[in-house]
Amino acid sequence: MEPTVTPIRISITSERYEVAASLFDSVYGDLAEQAGGNVPPTPMSPAEELLMGIFSDDLGDGSEESYFVKPADPAVTRAKATGQETDAIEKIELFTEGLMTVTPDAGFTETPSYTVAVTYDETELTGMAGARSTVTYRTADRGLVSMIRSGPVSTAMTFKAHHRAICTYETPYMPFSIGIHALTVDNRLDTEGVLKLDYIIEIKGARAERCEMEMKIQEDKGL
């Protein structure tokens, strides 16, 4: 079967703020160096997350689990509690157009699986004008999501809940090592048009940040 390509409209909203946590410890940092700067997702135990200051507020009542990660700036905690605005939280809203490509996976007969790719161009709003981003995953494993960027900046970031990964971020100036630790991956892109990612991201040598991102897509029938 041939891939199905659908023009779509995309909205992305995100909140980002610095946190008092680090994804690079000596052991994991050495592992990243030995692997040439790229380490696939590695599971983290609840004890390791606690050491990073990550606390779950799961009450065991079936409601959606959320997490507390200590912000670096106390103003973030106050803003979250009161709903007030603060410059310590960076908010971005992006509206753009793109393509959704669905390709049948080979080797699946009884339970068909598909590879889904949502592609769009970055803008000056995200600071990556000229780059192209692709969010991709297999429907057989929706909880594993990759975000691939190409162009002036390039990288391949991987998100899997309670897993940490190290990747290389290529820029026109020099490459950087980046750590990703996903807290939640709520992926309903091909069924309901929604993807929610809650994760910690850290450029080695800089302050880690927590990012809560929501992507919504819908078919663009005008194209």
Protein backbone atom coordinates (compact mmCIF):
# COMPACT_ATOMS: atom_id res chain seq x y z
CA MET A 1 0.00 0.00 0.00
CA GLU A 2 1.14 3.51 -0.82
CA PRO A 3 1.56 6.17 1.89
CA THR A 4 -1.39 8.49 2.50
CA VAL A 5 -0.44 12.19 2.56
CA THR A 6 -2.90 14.69 4.05
CA PRO A 7 -2.51 18.50 4.23
CA ILE A 8 -3.14 19.65 7.80
CA ARG A 9 -3.36 22.73 9.95
CA ILE A 10 -1.22 22.59 13.09
CA SER A 11 -1.39 24.48 16.36
CA ILE A 12 1.35 24.11 18.96
CA THR A 13 1.25 25.64 22.43
CA SER A 14 4.02 25.28 24.97
CA GLU A 15 5.14 26.50 28.37
CA ARG A 16 8.79 26.33 29.33
CA TYR A 17 10.65 27.26 32.49
CA GLU A 18 13.97 26.49 34.17
CA VAL A 19 14.07 23.74 36.79
CA ALA A 20 16.49 22.73 39.52
CA ALA A 21 17.35 19.34 38.02
CA SER A 22 20.09 17.86 35.85
CA LEU A 23 19.99 15.04 33.32
CA PHE A 24 23.77 14.77 33.14
CA ASP A 25 25.45 12.91 35.98
CA SER A 26 29.03 11.62 35.78
CA VAL A 27 28.09 8.04 34.87
CA TYR A 28 25.50 8.93 32.27
CA GLY A 29 27.67 11.72 30.91
CA ASP A 30 30.53 9.24 30.37
CA LEU A 31 28.11 6.88 28.61
CA ALA A 32 27.02 9.67 26.28
CA GLU A 33 30.62 10.51 25.44
CA GLN A 34 31.42 6.86 24.68
CA ALA A 35 28.39 6.65 22.38
CA GLY A 36 29.46 9.70 20.40
CA GLY A 37 26.85 11.92 22.00
CA ASN A 38 23.79 9.77 21.23
CA VAL A 39 22.25 7.38 23.76
CA PRO A 40 18.84 5.72 23.14
CA PRO A 41 16.04 6.02 25.70
CA THR A 42 17.03 4.40 28.99
CA PRO A 43 14.43 3.74 31.72
CA MET A 44 14.72 5.69 34.96
CA SER A 45 13.49 4.23 38.23
CA PRO A 46 11.19 6.18 40.60
CA ALA A 47 14.15 6.49 42.98
CA GLU A 48 16.26 8.15 40.27
CA GLU A 49 13.44 10.55 39.50
CA LEU A 50 13.14 11.46 43.16
CA LEU A 51 16.85 12.27 43.25
CA MET A 52 16.22 14.66 40.35
CA GLY A 53 13.42 16.32 42.30
CA ILE A 54 10.59 14.79 40.24
CA PHE A 55 7.51 14.00 42.33
CA SER A 56 4.31 12.34 41.16
CA ASP A 57 0.97 13.50 42.53
CA ASP A 58 -0.84 10.34 41.43
CA LEU A 59 -3.62 9.77 43.97
CA GLY A 60 -4.45 6.29 42.72
CA ASP A 61 -8.00 7.28 41.78
CA GLY A 62 -7.63 6.73 38.06
CA SER A 63 -7.18 10.42 37.26
CA GLU A 64 -4.42 11.60 34.96
CA GLU A 65 -1.03 11.53 36.68
CA SER A 66 0.93 14.78 36.81
CA TYR A 67 4.32 15.71 38.19
CA PHE A 68 6.03 18.36 40.25
CA VAL A 69 9.55 19.37 39.28
CA LYS A 70 11.10 22.09 41.44
CA PRO A 71 11.40 25.30 39.41
CA ALA A 72 14.68 27.21 39.55
CA ASP A 73 12.73 30.46 40.05
CA PRO A 74 10.22 30.59 42.96
CA ALA A 75 8.11 32.96 40.84
CA VAL A 76 7.08 29.97 38.73
CA THR A 77 5.65 28.15 41.76
CA ARG A 78 3.69 31.24 42.77
CA ALA A 79 2.40 31.76 39.22
CA LYS A 80 1.31 28.14 38.91
CA ALA A 81 -0.53 28.34 42.23
CA THR A 82 -2.27 31.68 41.57
CA GLY A 83 -2.63 31.75 37.80
CA GLN A 84 -0.64 34.97 37.56
CA GLU A 85 1.68 35.77 34.67
CA THR A 86 5.46 35.73 35.08
CA ASP A 87 8.40 36.29 32.75
CA ALA A 88 9.97 33.15 34.24
CA ILE A 89 7.56 31.06 32.13
CA GLU A 90 8.10 31.26 28.38
CA LYS A 91 4.89 30.70 26.44
CA ILE A 92 4.70 30.05 22.70
CA GLU A 93 1.72 29.66 20.39
CA LEU A 94 2.45 28.53 16.84
CA PHE A 95 -0.05 28.13 14.02
CA THR A 96 1.18 26.66 10.76
CA GLU A 97 0.45 24.23 7.95
CA GLY A 98 2.06 20.89 7.25
CA LEU A 99 1.59 17.34 6.04
CA MET A 100 0.58 14.13 7.78
CA THR A 101 2.00 11.02 6.11
CA VAL A 102 0.71 7.56 7.10
CA THR A 103 2.73 4.60 5.80
CA PRO A 104 1.77 0.95 6.37
CA ASP A 105 4.50 -0.98 8.19
CA ALA A 106 5.78 -4.15 6.56
CA GLY A 107 5.46 -7.46 8.41
CA PHE A 108 2.21 -6.78 10.26
CA THR A 109 -0.77 -8.85 9.11
CA GLU A 110 -3.11 -9.74 11.99
CA THR A 111 -2.60 -6.38 13.69
CA PRO A 112 -1.74 -3.76 11.06
CA SER A 113 0.69 -1.05 12.12
CA TYR A 114 1.46 2.28 10.51
CA THR A 115 4.22 4.85 10.69
CA VAL A 116 2.82 8.35 11.18
CA ALA A 117 4.85 11.47 10.35
CA VAL A 118 3.70 15.07 10.86
CA THR A 119 6.00 17.53 9.08
CA TYR A 120 6.04 21.33 9.30
CA ASP A 121 8.45 24.25 8.89
CA GLU A 122 9.75 26.11 11.93
CA THR A 123 9.48 29.91 12.10
CA GLU A 124 11.29 32.83 13.73
CA LEU A 125 8.85 32.47 16.62
CA THR A 126 10.61 29.28 17.71
CA GLY A 127 14.07 30.67 16.92
CA MET A 128 14.66 28.00 14.26
CA ALA A 129 13.57 29.69 11.04
CA GLY A 130 14.56 27.62 8.00
CA ALA A 131 14.44 24.31 9.89
CA ARG A 132 11.93 21.55 9.21
CA SER A 133 10.51 19.39 12.01
CA THR A 134 8.95 15.94 11.74
CA VAL A 135 7.10 14.26 14.60
CA THR A 136 7.00 10.52 13.94
CA TYR A 137 5.93 7.27 15.63
CA ARG A 138 4.49 3.83 14.93
CA THR A 139 0.89 3.10 15.86
CA ALA A 140 2.09 -0.20 17.36
CA ASP A 141 4.00 1.84 19.97
CA ARG A 142 2.36 5.27 20.38
CA GLY A 143 4.27 5.93 23.59
CA LEU A 144 7.57 6.25 21.71
CA VAL A 145 7.69 9.54 19.79
CA SER A 146 10.60 11.05 17.86
CA MET A 147 11.04 14.66 16.78
CA ILE A 148 13.50 15.06 13.92
CA ARG A 149 14.75 18.48 12.82
CA SER A 150 16.75 19.25 9.69
CA GLY A 151 18.13 22.42 8.17
CA PRO A 152 20.28 25.11 9.88
CA VAL A 153 19.79 23.20 13.14
CA SER A 154 19.36 19.43 13.20
CA THR A 155 18.72 16.78 15.80
CA ALA A 156 16.67 13.66 16.54
CA MET A 157 14.99 13.77 19.96
CA THR A 158 13.20 10.77 21.44
CA PHE A 159 10.38 10.84 23.99
CA LYS A 160 9.25 7.85 26.07
CA ALA A 161 7.67 8.31 29.49
CA HIS A 162 10.12 7.82 32.38
CA HIS A 163 13.04 7.34 30.00
CA ARG A 164 16.12 9.52 29.54
CA ALA A 165 17.95 9.93 26.23
CA ILE A 166 20.99 11.88 25.05
CA CYS A 167 21.15 13.30 21.55
CA THR A 168 23.36 15.65 19.55
CA TYR A 169 22.07 19.07 18.52
CA GLU A 170 23.88 20.36 15.44
CA THR A 171 24.05 24.13 14.89
CA PRO A 172 25.99 26.34 12.44
CA TYR A 173 28.39 27.13 15.29
CA MET A 174 29.05 23.84 17.07
CA PRO A 175 27.29 20.63 18.19
CA PHE A 176 25.78 20.33 21.67
CA SER A 177 24.75 17.33 23.77
CA ILE A 178 21.11 17.47 24.87
CA GLY A 179 19.39 15.38 27.51
CA ILE A 180 15.67 14.56 27.25
CA HIS A 181 13.61 13.05 30.07
CA ALA A 182 9.92 12.56 29.29
CA LEU A 183 7.42 12.59 32.13
CA THR A 184 4.31 11.91 30.06
CA VAL A 185 3.61 11.08 26.40
CA ASP A 186 -0.09 11.33 25.54
CA ASN A 187 -0.22 10.48 21.84
CA ARG A 188 -3.58 10.52 20.01
CA LEU A 189 -2.44 12.30 16.86
CA ASP A 190 -3.79 9.87 14.26
CA THR A 191 -7.03 9.14 16.15
CA GLU A 192 -8.02 12.44 17.80
CA GLY A 193 -5.44 14.89 16.43
CA VAL A 194 -3.75 15.57 19.79
CA LEU A 195 -0.23 15.03 21.13
CA LYS A 196 0.81 16.14 24.63
CA LEU A 197 4.43 15.98 25.77
CA ASP A 198 5.66 16.86 29.25
CA TYR A 199 9.44 16.63 29.47
CA ILE A 200 12.69 18.01 30.84
CA ILE A 201 15.31 19.15 28.35
CA GLU A 202 18.87 20.18 29.12
CA ILE A 203 21.74 21.42 26.99
CA LYS A 204 24.87 20.12 28.67
CA GLY A 205 26.41 22.94 30.65
CA ALA A 206 23.19 24.99 30.83
CA ARG A 207 20.16 25.03 33.10
CA ALA A 208 17.57 22.30 32.53
CA GLU A 209 14.07 23.35 31.48
CA ARG A 210 10.66 21.76 31.77
CA CYS A 211 8.49 21.95 28.67
CA GLU A 212 4.78 21.18 28.51
CA MET A 213 3.75 21.03 24.85
CA GLU A 214 0.45 20.33 23.13
CA MET A 215 0.13 19.80 19.37
CA LYS A 216 -3.26 19.75 17.67
CA ILE A 217 -3.83 18.90 14.02
CA GLN A 218 -6.82 18.91 11.70
CA GLU A 219 -7.22 18.22 8.02
CA ASP A 220 -6.84 21.30 5.84
CA LYS A 221 -9.65 20.81 3.33
CA GLY A 222 -8.81 24.09 1.65
CA LEU A 223 -5.53 22.74 0.22
